[in-house]
Amino acid sequence: MLSVNTLAQGNAQVITVKGRVDGFTAPQLDEALQTALKAKKYNVVVDLGETEFMSSAGMRALLSARLALQDKSGDLRLAAPSDYLLDSLKLVGLDKLFKIYDSRNAAVASF
């Protein structure tokens, strides 16, 4: 099961992802990211503190949104991934593309 919630915090739109992001649930994450773009919220933090798992479908959604945000002079930053999730991001090289922070507050403050 996946829960995706969005809220404004400081100068950023924070998307909190709880549960498992897989091929079936990744569209929920993608929809939240696209909604932020449509609302012209170009500073986005994805809080992964309660994300148990993320498949390549979820990673594609993050990467696609990051590229779209950068086209609008914005950015997508990741916050609080578990060690397991951070290892997965490193395995595919996404740690080189995304700015990753230990906490949501640190990621928000980076904008």
PDB file of N, CA and C in Angstrom:
ATOM      1  N   MET A   1       0.836  -1.178   0.000  1.00  0.00           N
ATOM      2  CA  MET A   1       0.000   0.000   0.000  1.00  0.00           C
ATOM      3  C   MET A   1       0.882   1.243   0.000  1.00  0.00           C
ATOM      4  N   LEU A   2       0.422   2.277  -0.673  1.00  0.00           N
ATOM      5  CA  LEU A   2       1.181   3.515  -0.784  1.00  0.00           C
ATOM      6  C   LEU A   2       0.305   4.692  -0.403  1.00  0.00           C
ATOM      7  N   SER A   3       0.904   5.619   0.329  1.00  0.00           N
ATOM      8  CA  SER A   3       0.246   6.871   0.675  1.00  0.00           C
ATOM      9  C   SER A   3       1.162   8.005   0.224  1.00  0.00           C
ATOM     10  N   VAL A   4       0.605   8.943  -0.534  1.00  0.00           N
ATOM     11  CA  VAL A   4       1.364  10.094  -1.018  1.00  0.00           C
ATOM     12  C   VAL A   4       0.614  11.351  -0.590  1.00  0.00           C
ATOM     13  N   ASN A   5       1.284  12.192   0.195  1.00  0.00           N
ATOM     14  CA  ASN A   5       0.673  13.432   0.686  1.00  0.00           C
ATOM     15  C   ASN A   5       1.540  14.609   0.295  1.00  0.00           C
ATOM     16  N   THR A   6       0.899  15.732   0.012  1.00  0.00           N
ATOM     17  CA  THR A   6       1.600  16.934  -0.414  1.00  0.00           C
ATOM     18  C   THR A   6       1.248  18.091   0.508  1.00  0.00           C
ATOM     19  N   LEU A   7       2.271  18.885   0.851  1.00  0.00           N
ATOM     20  CA  LEU A   7       2.043  20.077   1.645  1.00  0.00           C
ATOM     21  C   LEU A   7       3.120  21.103   1.326  1.00  0.00           C
ATOM     22  N   ALA A   8       2.778  22.361   1.550  1.00  0.00           N
ATOM     23  CA  ALA A   8       3.750  23.433   1.359  1.00  0.00           C
ATOM     24  C   ALA A   8       4.534  23.595   2.655  1.00  0.00           C
ATOM     25  N   GLN A   9       5.844  23.742   2.512  1.00  0.00           N
ATOM     26  CA  GLN A   9       6.699  23.999   3.672  1.00  0.00           C
ATOM     27  C   GLN A   9       7.790  24.958   3.244  1.00  0.00           C
ATOM     28  N   GLY A  10       7.796  26.111   3.841  1.00  0.00           N
ATOM     29  CA  GLY A  10       8.788  27.114   3.463  1.00  0.00           C
ATOM     30  C   GLY A  10       8.647  27.458   1.998  1.00  0.00           C
ATOM     31  N   ASN A  11       9.748  27.392   1.288  1.00  0.00           N
ATOM     32  CA  ASN A  11       9.801  27.732  -0.126  1.00  0.00           C
ATOM     33  C   ASN A  11       9.638  26.493  -1.017  1.00  0.00           C
ATOM     34  N   ALA A  12       9.126  25.399  -0.455  1.00  0.00           N
ATOM     35  CA  ALA A  12       9.074  24.144  -1.210  1.00  0.00           C
ATOM     36  C   ALA A  12       7.721  23.463  -1.082  1.00  0.00           C
ATOM     37  N   GLN A  13       7.455  22.626  -2.059  1.00  0.00           N
ATOM     38  CA  GLN A  13       6.322  21.708  -2.026  1.00  0.00           C
ATOM     39  C   GLN A  13       6.900  20.369  -1.569  1.00  0.00           C
ATOM     40  N   VAL A  14       6.384  19.826  -0.467  1.00  0.00           N
ATOM     41  CA  VAL A  14       6.899  18.578   0.078  1.00  0.00           C
ATOM     42  C   VAL A  14       5.918  17.458  -0.238  1.00  0.00           C
ATOM     43  N   ILE A  15       6.441  16.407  -0.849  1.00  0.00           N
ATOM     44  CA  ILE A  15       5.650  15.219  -1.161  1.00  0.00           C
ATOM     45  C   ILE A  15       6.172  14.097  -0.276  1.00  0.00           C
ATOM     46  N   THR A  16       5.322  13.629   0.630  1.00  0.00           N
ATOM     47  CA  THR A  16       5.693  12.573   1.564  1.00  0.00           C
ATOM     48  C   THR A  16       5.197  11.241   1.016  1.00  0.00           C
ATOM     49  N   VAL A  17       6.111  10.282   0.920  1.00  0.00           N
ATOM     50  CA  VAL A  17       5.804   8.978   0.335  1.00  0.00           C
ATOM     51  C   VAL A  17       5.929   7.921   1.428  1.00  0.00           C
ATOM     52  N   LYS A  18       4.815   7.234   1.732  1.00  0.00           N
ATOM     53  CA  LYS A  18       4.813   6.194   2.763  1.00  0.00           C
ATOM     54  C   LYS A  18       4.426   4.872   2.128  1.00  0.00           C
ATOM     55  N   GLY A  19       5.263   3.862   2.333  1.00  0.00           N
ATOM     56  CA  GLY A  19       4.943   2.536   1.826  1.00  0.00           C
ATOM     57  C   GLY A  19       5.860   2.117   0.696  1.00  0.00           C
ATOM     58  N   ARG A  20       5.303   1.332  -0.201  1.00  0.00           N
ATOM     59  CA  ARG A  20       6.067   0.741  -1.299  1.00  0.00           C
ATOM     60  C   ARG A  20       5.704   1.399  -2.631  1.00  0.00           C
ATOM     61  N   VAL A  21       6.741   1.837  -3.345  1.00  0.00           N
ATOM     62  CA  VAL A  21       6.538   2.384  -4.685  1.00  0.00           C
ATOM     63  C   VAL A  21       6.993   1.311  -5.667  1.00  0.00           C
ATOM     64  N   ASP A  22       6.047   0.754  -6.386  1.00  0.00           N
ATOM     65  CA  ASP A  22       6.368  -0.286  -7.371  1.00  0.00           C
ATOM     66  C   ASP A  22       5.643   0.037  -8.671  1.00  0.00           C
ATOM     67  N   GLY A  23       5.657  -0.874  -9.591  1.00  0.00           N
ATOM     68  CA  GLY A  23       5.032  -0.639 -10.886  1.00  0.00           C
ATOM     69  C   GLY A  23       3.551  -0.330 -10.784  1.00  0.00           C
ATOM     70  N   PHE A  24       2.901  -0.872  -9.781  1.00  0.00           N
ATOM     71  CA  PHE A  24       1.469  -0.656  -9.592  1.00  0.00           C
ATOM     72  C   PHE A  24       1.167   0.689  -8.934  1.00  0.00           C
ATOM     73  N   THR A  25       2.015   1.108  -7.981  1.00  0.00           N
ATOM     74  CA  THR A  25       1.733   2.317  -7.210  1.00  0.00           C
ATOM     75  C   THR A  25       2.498   3.553  -7.692  1.00  0.00           C
ATOM     76  N   ALA A  26       3.489   3.383  -8.546  1.00  0.00           N
ATOM     77  CA  ALA A  26       4.282   4.524  -9.028  1.00  0.00           C
ATOM     78  C   ALA A  26       3.424   5.625  -9.665  1.00  0.00           C
ATOM     79  N   PRO A  27       2.315   5.300 -10.346  1.00  0.00           N
ATOM     80  CA  PRO A  27       1.493   6.377 -10.894  1.00  0.00           C
ATOM     81  C   PRO A  27       0.977   7.358  -9.839  1.00  0.00           C
ATOM     82  N   GLN A  28       0.784   6.917  -8.597  1.00  0.00           N
ATOM     83  CA  GLN A  28       0.366   7.832  -7.537  1.00  0.00           C
ATOM     84  C   GLN A  28       1.456   8.872  -7.270  1.00  0.00           C
ATOM     85  N   LEU A  29       2.695   8.421  -7.206  1.00  0.00           N
ATOM     86  CA  LEU A  29       3.820   9.334  -7.015  1.00  0.00           C
ATOM     87  C   LEU A  29       3.944  10.264  -8.210  1.00  0.00           C
ATOM     88  N   ASP A  30       3.850   9.712  -9.397  1.00  0.00           N
ATOM     89  CA  ASP A  30       3.957  10.526 -10.608  1.00  0.00           C
ATOM     90  C   ASP A  30       2.857  11.589 -10.651  1.00  0.00           C
ATOM     91  N   GLU A  31       1.659  11.225 -10.261  1.00  0.00           N
ATOM     92  CA  GLU A  31       0.545  12.180 -10.259  1.00  0.00           C
ATOM     93  C   GLU A  31       0.818  13.339  -9.297  1.00  0.00           C
ATOM     94  N   ALA A  32       1.333  13.040  -8.110  1.00  0.00           N
ATOM     95  CA  ALA A  32       1.649  14.100  -7.140  1.00  0.00           C
ATOM     96  C   ALA A  32       2.732  15.026  -7.685  1.00  0.00           C
ATOM     97  N   LEU A  33       3.721  14.458  -8.347  1.00  0.00           N
ATOM     98  CA  LEU A  33       4.793  15.271  -8.925  1.00  0.00           C
ATOM     99  C   LEU A  33       4.261  16.144 -10.058  1.00  0.00           C
ATOM    100  N   GLN A  34       3.426  15.575 -10.907  1.00  0.00           N
ATOM    101  CA  GLN A  34       2.861  16.335 -12.019  1.00  0.00           C
ATOM    102  C   GLN A  34       1.910  17.432 -11.517  1.00  0.00           C
ATOM    103  N   THR A  35       1.191  17.167 -10.439  1.00  0.00           N
ATOM    104  CA  THR A  35       0.312  18.167  -9.854  1.00  0.00           C
ATOM    105  C   THR A  35       1.123  19.361  -9.354  1.00  0.00           C
ATOM    106  N   ALA A  36       2.265  19.105  -8.741  1.00  0.00           N
ATOM    107  CA  ALA A  36       3.139  20.196  -8.292  1.00  0.00           C
ATOM    108  C   ALA A  36       3.600  21.034  -9.477  1.00  0.00           C
ATOM    109  N   LEU A  37       3.963  20.376 -10.554  1.00  0.00           N
ATOM    110  CA  LEU A  37       4.394  21.093 -11.760  1.00  0.00           C
ATOM    111  C   LEU A  37       3.268  21.961 -12.321  1.00  0.00           C
ATOM    112  N   LYS A  38       2.087  21.389 -12.424  1.00  0.00           N
ATOM    113  CA  LYS A  38       0.944  22.128 -12.968  1.00  0.00           C
ATOM    114  C   LYS A  38       0.588  23.328 -12.096  1.00  0.00           C
ATOM    115  N   ALA A  39       0.840  23.208 -10.787  1.00  0.00           N
ATOM    116  CA  ALA A  39       0.559  24.305  -9.852  1.00  0.00           C
ATOM    117  C   ALA A  39       1.718  25.304  -9.790  1.00  0.00           C
ATOM    118  N   LYS A  40       2.704  25.096 -10.648  1.00  0.00           N
ATOM    119  CA  LYS A  40       3.883  25.966 -10.722  1.00  0.00           C
ATOM    120  C   LYS A  40       4.671  25.989  -9.418  1.00  0.00           C
ATOM    121  N   LYS A  41       4.721  24.833  -8.766  1.00  0.00           N
ATOM    122  CA  LYS A  41       5.556  24.636  -7.573  1.00  0.00           C
ATOM    123  C   LYS A  41       6.839  23.968  -8.061  1.00  0.00           C
ATOM    124  N   TYR A  42       7.867  24.765  -8.253  1.00  0.00           N
ATOM    125  CA  TYR A  42       9.074  24.266  -8.913  1.00  0.00           C
ATOM    126  C   TYR A  42      10.193  23.868  -7.962  1.00  0.00           C
ATOM    127  N   ASN A  43      10.023  24.083  -6.660  1.00  0.00           N
ATOM    128  CA  ASN A  43      10.958  23.590  -5.653  1.00  0.00           C
ATOM    129  C   ASN A  43      10.253  22.454  -4.933  1.00  0.00           C
ATOM    130  N   VAL A  44      10.681  21.238  -5.204  1.00  0.00           N
ATOM    131  CA  VAL A  44       9.985  20.065  -4.688  1.00  0.00           C
ATOM    132  C   VAL A  44      10.943  19.202  -3.871  1.00  0.00           C
ATOM    133  N   VAL A  45      10.470  18.798  -2.694  1.00  0.00           N
ATOM    134  CA  VAL A  45      11.189  17.844  -1.845  1.00  0.00           C
ATOM    135  C   VAL A  45      10.338  16.583  -1.764  1.00  0.00           C
ATOM    136  N   VAL A  46      10.945  15.446  -2.037  1.00  0.00           N
ATOM    137  CA  VAL A  46      10.257  14.170  -1.851  1.00  0.00           C
ATOM    138  C   VAL A  46      10.825  13.547  -0.582  1.00  0.00           C
ATOM    139  N   ASP A  47       9.966  13.459   0.433  1.00  0.00           N
ATOM    140  CA  ASP A  47      10.349  12.902   1.732  1.00  0.00           C
ATOM    141  C   ASP A  47      10.196  11.388   1.664  1.00  0.00           C
ATOM    142  N   LEU A  48      11.324  10.694   1.732  1.00  0.00           N
ATOM    143  CA  LEU A  48      11.341   9.238   1.613  1.00  0.00           C
ATOM    144  C   LEU A  48      11.524   8.546   2.960  1.00  0.00           C
ATOM    145  N   GLY A  49      11.336   9.273   4.040  1.00  0.00           N
ATOM    146  CA  GLY A  49      11.579   8.740   5.372  1.00  0.00           C
ATOM    147  C   GLY A  49      10.760   7.508   5.717  1.00  0.00           C
ATOM    148  N   GLU A  50       9.582   7.384   5.121  1.00  0.00           N
ATOM    149  CA  GLU A  50       8.732   6.219   5.399  1.00  0.00           C
ATOM    150  C   GLU A  50       8.500   5.376   4.150  1.00  0.00           C
ATOM    151  N   THR A  51       9.401   5.512   3.189  1.00  0.00           N
ATOM    152  CA  THR A  51       9.313   4.720   1.967  1.00  0.00           C
ATOM    153  C   THR A  51      10.054   3.408   2.185  1.00  0.00           C
ATOM    154  N   GLU A  52       9.347   2.306   2.071  1.00  0.00           N
ATOM    155  CA  GLU A  52       9.923   0.988   2.334  1.00  0.00           C
ATOM    156  C   GLU A  52      10.693   0.435   1.145  1.00  0.00           C
ATOM    157  N   PHE A  53      10.235   0.776  -0.059  1.00  0.00           N
ATOM    158  CA  PHE A  53      10.799   0.179  -1.274  1.00  0.00           C
ATOM    159  C   PHE A  53      10.471   1.094  -2.443  1.00  0.00           C
ATOM    160  N   MET A  54      11.384   1.161  -3.411  1.00  0.00           N
ATOM    161  CA  MET A  54      11.098   1.902  -4.637  1.00  0.00           C
ATOM    162  C   MET A  54      11.668   1.130  -5.828  1.00  0.00           C
ATOM    163  N   SER A  55      10.790   0.785  -6.737  1.00  0.00           N
ATOM    164  CA  SER A  55      11.202   0.076  -7.944  1.00  0.00           C
ATOM    165  C   SER A  55      11.710   1.074  -8.976  1.00  0.00           C
ATOM    166  N   SER A  56      12.126   0.560 -10.104  1.00  0.00           N
ATOM    167  CA  SER A  56      12.592   1.417 -11.194  1.00  0.00           C
ATOM    168  C   SER A  56      11.476   2.332 -11.690  1.00  0.00           C
ATOM    169  N   ALA A  57      10.225   1.907 -11.569  1.00  0.00           N
ATOM    170  CA  ALA A  57       9.102   2.755 -11.997  1.00  0.00           C
ATOM    171  C   ALA A  57       9.027   4.017 -11.133  1.00  0.00           C
ATOM    172  N   GLY A  58       9.232   3.882  -9.852  1.00  0.00           N
ATOM    173  CA  GLY A  58       9.248   5.040  -8.965  1.00  0.00           C
ATOM    174  C   GLY A  58      10.434   5.937  -9.243  1.00  0.00           C
ATOM    175  N   MET A  59      11.581   5.325  -9.493  1.00  0.00           N
ATOM    176  CA  MET A  59      12.782   6.102  -9.803  1.00  0.00           C
ATOM    177  C   MET A  59      12.624   6.871 -11.112  1.00  0.00           C
ATOM    178  N   ARG A  60      11.961   6.260 -12.081  1.00  0.00           N
ATOM    179  CA  ARG A  60      11.687   6.952 -13.350  1.00  0.00           C
ATOM    180  C   ARG A  60      10.790   8.163 -13.122  1.00  0.00           C
ATOM    181  N   ALA A  61       9.785   8.016 -12.254  1.00  0.00           N
ATOM    182  CA  ALA A  61       8.894   9.137 -11.951  1.00  0.00           C
ATOM    183  C   ALA A  61       9.688  10.290 -11.331  1.00  0.00           C
ATOM    184  N   LEU A  62      10.590   9.983 -10.414  1.00  0.00           N
ATOM    185  CA  LEU A  62      11.428  11.013  -9.793  1.00  0.00           C
ATOM    186  C   LEU A  62      12.313  11.697 -10.829  1.00  0.00           C
ATOM    187  N   LEU A  63      12.951  10.901 -11.663  1.00  0.00           N
ATOM    188  CA  LEU A  63      13.863  11.448 -12.662  1.00  0.00           C
ATOM    189  C   LEU A  63      13.129  12.304 -13.682  1.00  0.00           C
ATOM    190  N   SER A  64      11.985  11.846 -14.137  1.00  0.00           N
ATOM    191  CA  SER A  64      11.192  12.600 -15.097  1.00  0.00           C
ATOM    192  C   SER A  64      10.763  13.945 -14.516  1.00  0.00           C
ATOM    193  N   ALA A  65      10.307  13.925 -13.263  1.00  0.00           N
ATOM    194  CA  ALA A  65       9.886  15.171 -12.615  1.00  0.00           C
ATOM    195  C   ALA A  65      11.065  16.108 -12.415  1.00  0.00           C
ATOM    196  N   ARG A  66      12.210  15.562 -12.058  1.00  0.00           N
ATOM    197  CA  ARG A  66      13.398  16.398 -11.867  1.00  0.00           C
ATOM    198  C   ARG A  66      13.755  17.130 -13.152  1.00  0.00           C
ATOM    199  N   LEU A  67      13.729  16.426 -14.253  1.00  0.00           N
ATOM    200  CA  LEU A  67      14.057  17.048 -15.540  1.00  0.00           C
ATOM    201  C   LEU A  67      13.049  18.144 -15.884  1.00  0.00           C
ATOM    202  N   ALA A  68      11.769  17.875 -15.662  1.00  0.00           N
ATOM    203  CA  ALA A  68      10.736  18.877 -15.951  1.00  0.00           C
ATOM    204  C   ALA A  68      10.887  20.097 -15.045  1.00  0.00           C
ATOM    205  N   LEU A  69      11.206  19.875 -13.780  1.00  0.00           N
ATOM    206  CA  LEU A  69      11.392  20.987 -12.844  1.00  0.00           C
ATOM    207  C   LEU A  69      12.614  21.824 -13.214  1.00  0.00           C
ATOM    208  N   GLN A  70      13.674  21.170 -13.623  1.00  0.00           N
ATOM    209  CA  GLN A  70      14.875  21.910 -14.002  1.00  0.00           C
ATOM    210  C   GLN A  70      14.630  22.743 -15.256  1.00  0.00           C
ATOM    211  N   ASP A  71      13.752  22.290 -16.133  1.00  0.00           N
ATOM    212  CA  ASP A  71      13.378  23.091 -17.306  1.00  0.00           C
ATOM    213  C   ASP A  71      12.684  24.385 -16.885  1.00  0.00           C
ATOM    214  N   LYS A  72      12.099  24.386 -15.693  1.00  0.00           N
ATOM    215  CA  LYS A  72      11.406  25.566 -15.155  1.00  0.00           C
ATOM    216  C   LYS A  72      12.273  26.297 -14.129  1.00  0.00           C
ATOM    217  N   SER A  73      13.577  26.015 -14.135  1.00  0.00           N
ATOM    218  CA  SER A  73      14.548  26.599 -13.189  1.00  0.00           C
ATOM    219  C   SER A  73      14.268  26.187 -11.747  1.00  0.00           C
ATOM    220  N   GLY A  74      13.692  25.020 -11.568  1.00  0.00           N
ATOM    221  CA  GLY A  74      13.438  24.479 -10.233  1.00  0.00           C
ATOM    222  C   GLY A  74      14.305  23.260  -9.997  1.00  0.00           C
ATOM    223  N   ASP A  75      13.945  22.490  -8.981  1.00  0.00           N
ATOM    224  CA  ASP A  75      14.698  21.278  -8.684  1.00  0.00           C
ATOM    225  C   ASP A  75      13.848  20.351  -7.831  1.00  0.00           C
ATOM    226  N   LEU A  76      14.229  19.082  -7.823  1.00  0.00           N
ATOM    227  CA  LEU A  76      13.614  18.071  -6.983  1.00  0.00           C
ATOM    228  C   LEU A  76      14.716  17.519  -6.091  1.00  0.00           C
ATOM    229  N   ARG A  77      14.489  17.548  -4.792  1.00  0.00           N
ATOM    230  CA  ARG A  77      15.473  17.053  -3.837  1.00  0.00           C
ATOM    231  C   ARG A  77      14.859  15.950  -3.003  1.00  0.00           C
ATOM    232  N   LEU A  78      15.692  15.018  -2.596  1.00  0.00           N
ATOM    233  CA  LEU A  78      15.224  13.865  -1.831  1.00  0.00           C
ATOM    234  C   LEU A  78      15.608  14.022  -0.370  1.00  0.00           C
ATOM    235  N   ALA A  79      14.723  13.591   0.514  1.00  0.00           N
ATOM    236  CA  ALA A  79      14.962  13.714   1.947  1.00  0.00           C
ATOM    237  C   ALA A  79      14.781  12.384   2.661  1.00  0.00           C
ATOM    238  N   ALA A  80      15.690  12.109   3.569  1.00  0.00           N
ATOM    239  CA  ALA A  80      15.580  11.041   4.565  1.00  0.00           C
ATOM    240  C   ALA A  80      15.379   9.627   4.020  1.00  0.00           C
ATOM    241  N   PRO A  81      16.064   9.247   2.938  1.00  0.00           N
ATOM    242  CA  PRO A  81      15.892   7.857   2.497  1.00  0.00           C
ATOM    243  C   PRO A  81      16.536   6.902   3.508  1.00  0.00           C
ATOM    244  N   SER A  82      15.939   5.743   3.673  1.00  0.00           N
ATOM    245  CA  SER A  82      16.539   4.716   4.530  1.00  0.00           C
ATOM    246  C   SER A  82      17.859   4.268   3.901  1.00  0.00           C
ATOM    247  N   ASP A  83      18.675   3.589   4.677  1.00  0.00           N
ATOM    248  CA  ASP A  83      19.944   3.080   4.140  1.00  0.00           C
ATOM    249  C   ASP A  83      19.691   2.149   2.958  1.00  0.00           C
ATOM    250  N   TYR A  84      18.652   1.323   3.078  1.00  0.00           N
ATOM    251  CA  TYR A  84      18.300   0.394   1.999  1.00  0.00           C
ATOM    252  C   TYR A  84      17.940   1.149   0.720  1.00  0.00           C
ATOM    253  N   LEU A  85      17.102   2.167   0.860  1.00  0.00           N
ATOM    254  CA  LEU A  85      16.681   2.941  -0.306  1.00  0.00           C
ATOM    255  C   LEU A  85      17.846   3.739  -0.878  1.00  0.00           C
ATOM    256  N   LEU A  86      18.681   4.286  -0.011  1.00  0.00           N
ATOM    257  CA  LEU A  86      19.855   5.026  -0.474  1.00  0.00           C
ATOM    258  C   LEU A  86      20.788   4.107  -1.254  1.00  0.00           C
ATOM    259  N   ASP A  87      20.960   2.878  -0.793  1.00  0.00           N
ATOM    260  CA  ASP A  87      21.779   1.910  -1.528  1.00  0.00           C
ATOM    261  C   ASP A  87      21.190   1.640  -2.907  1.00  0.00           C
ATOM    262  N   SER A  88      19.860   1.543  -2.987  1.00  0.00           N
ATOM    263  CA  SER A  88      19.199   1.323  -4.284  1.00  0.00           C
ATOM    264  C   SER A  88      19.428   2.508  -5.218  1.00  0.00           C
ATOM    265  N   LEU A  89      19.320   3.725  -4.685  1.00  0.00           N
ATOM    266  CA  LEU A  89      19.557   4.921  -5.497  1.00  0.00           C
ATOM    267  C   LEU A  89      21.008   4.975  -5.979  1.00  0.00           C
ATOM    268  N   LYS A  90      21.938   4.592  -5.107  1.00  0.00           N
ATOM    269  CA  LYS A  90      23.351   4.575  -5.477  1.00  0.00           C
ATOM    270  C   LYS A  90      23.629   3.522  -6.542  1.00  0.00           C
ATOM    271  N   LEU A  91      22.971   2.387  -6.425  1.00  0.00           N
ATOM    272  CA  LEU A  91      23.178   1.286  -7.361  1.00  0.00           C
ATOM    273  C   LEU A  91      22.907   1.704  -8.802  1.00  0.00           C
ATOM    274  N   VAL A  92      21.915   2.562  -8.999  1.00  0.00           N
ATOM    275  CA  VAL A  92      21.573   3.004 -10.355  1.00  0.00           C
ATOM    276  C   VAL A  92      22.118   4.396 -10.677  1.00  0.00           C
ATOM    277  N   GLY A  93      22.894   4.960  -9.757  1.00  0.00           N
ATOM    278  CA  GLY A  93      23.554   6.233 -10.021  1.00  0.00           C
ATOM    279  C   GLY A  93      22.722   7.481  -9.758  1.00  0.00           C
ATOM    280  N   LEU A  94      21.554   7.322  -9.161  1.00  0.00           N
ATOM    281  CA  LEU A  94      20.708   8.489  -8.927  1.00  0.00           C
ATOM    282  C   LEU A  94      21.236   9.384  -7.808  1.00  0.00           C
ATOM    283  N   ASP A  95      22.116   8.848  -6.977  1.00  0.00           N
ATOM    284  CA  ASP A  95      22.722   9.685  -5.938  1.00  0.00           C
ATOM    285  C   ASP A  95      23.621  10.764  -6.543  1.00  0.00           C
ATOM    286  N   LYS A  96      24.029  10.567  -7.782  1.00  0.00           N
ATOM    287  CA  LYS A  96      24.842  11.564  -8.484  1.00  0.00           C
ATOM    288  C   LYS A  96      23.969  12.649  -9.121  1.00  0.00           C
ATOM    289  N   LEU A  97      22.701  12.348  -9.375  1.00  0.00           N
ATOM    290  CA  LEU A  97      21.799  13.287 -10.045  1.00  0.00           C
ATOM    291  C   LEU A  97      20.956  14.104  -9.072  1.00  0.00           C
ATOM    292  N   PHE A  98      20.622  13.511  -7.947  1.00  0.00           N
ATOM    293  CA  PHE A  98      19.758  14.178  -6.973  1.00  0.00           C
ATOM    294  C   PHE A  98      20.572  14.678  -5.790  1.00  0.00           C
ATOM    295  N   LYS A  99      20.158  15.808  -5.251  1.00  0.00           N
ATOM    296  CA  LYS A  99      20.678  16.249  -3.964  1.00  0.00           C
ATOM    297  C   LYS A  99      19.861  15.509  -2.913  1.00  0.00           C
ATOM    298  N   ILE A 100      20.556  14.814  -2.019  1.00  0.00           N
ATOM    299  CA  ILE A 100      19.901  13.973  -1.021  1.00  0.00           C
ATOM    300  C   ILE A 100      20.276  14.496   0.368  1.00  0.00           C
ATOM    301  N   TYR A 101      19.259  14.690   1.207  1.00  0.00           N
ATOM    302  CA  TYR A 101      19.440  15.264   2.538  1.00  0.00           C
ATOM    303  C   TYR A 101      18.985  14.281   3.606  1.00  0.00           C
ATOM    304  N   ASP A 102      19.554  14.415   4.796  1.00  0.00           N
ATOM    305  CA  ASP A 102      19.218  13.529   5.910  1.00  0.00           C
ATOM    306  C   ASP A 102      17.819  13.772   6.460  1.00  0.00           C
ATOM    307  N   SER A 103      17.291  14.985   6.277  1.00  0.00           N
ATOM    308  CA  SER A 103      15.973  15.297   6.831  1.00  0.00           C
ATOM    309  C   SER A 103      15.183  16.171   5.864  1.00  0.00           C
ATOM    310  N   ARG A 104      13.887  16.169   6.062  1.00  0.00           N
ATOM    311  CA  ARG A 104      12.997  17.011   5.268  1.00  0.00           C
ATOM    312  C   ARG A 104      13.344  18.482   5.467  1.00  0.00           C
ATOM    313  N   ASN A 105      13.562  18.882   6.720  1.00  0.00           N
ATOM    314  CA  ASN A 105      13.853  20.282   7.010  1.00  0.00           C
ATOM    315  C   ASN A 105      15.133  20.745   6.324  1.00  0.00           C
ATOM    316  N   ALA A 106      16.139  19.897   6.293  1.00  0.00           N
ATOM    317  CA  ALA A 106      17.393  20.261   5.621  1.00  0.00           C
ATOM    318  C   ALA A 106      17.175  20.406   4.123  1.00  0.00           C
ATOM    319  N   ALA A 107      16.373  19.539   3.544  1.00  0.00           N
ATOM    320  CA  ALA A 107      16.091  19.618   2.108  1.00  0.00           C
ATOM    321  C   ALA A 107      15.306  20.883   1.785  1.00  0.00           C
ATOM    322  N   VAL A 108      14.318  21.204   2.593  1.00  0.00           N
ATOM    323  CA  VAL A 108      13.520  22.418   2.374  1.00  0.00           C
ATOM    324  C   VAL A 108      14.414  23.658   2.509  1.00  0.00           C
ATOM    325  N   ALA A 109      15.255  23.659   3.523  1.00  0.00           N
ATOM    326  CA  ALA A 109      16.132  24.816   3.779  1.00  0.00           C
ATOM    327  C   ALA A 109      17.160  25.014   2.662  1.00  0.00           C
ATOM    328  N   SER A 110      17.400  23.992   1.863  1.00  0.00           N
ATOM    329  CA  SER A 110      18.418  24.089   0.803  1.00  0.00           C
ATOM    330  C   SER A 110      17.958  24.921  -0.380  1.00  0.00           C
ATOM    331  N   PHE A 111      16.684  25.259  -0.460  1.00  0.00           N
ATOM    332  CA  PHE A 111      16.184  26.067  -1.568  1.00  0.00           C
ATOM    333  C   PHE A 111      16.395  27.546  -1.292  1.00  0.00           C
TER     334      PHE A 111
END
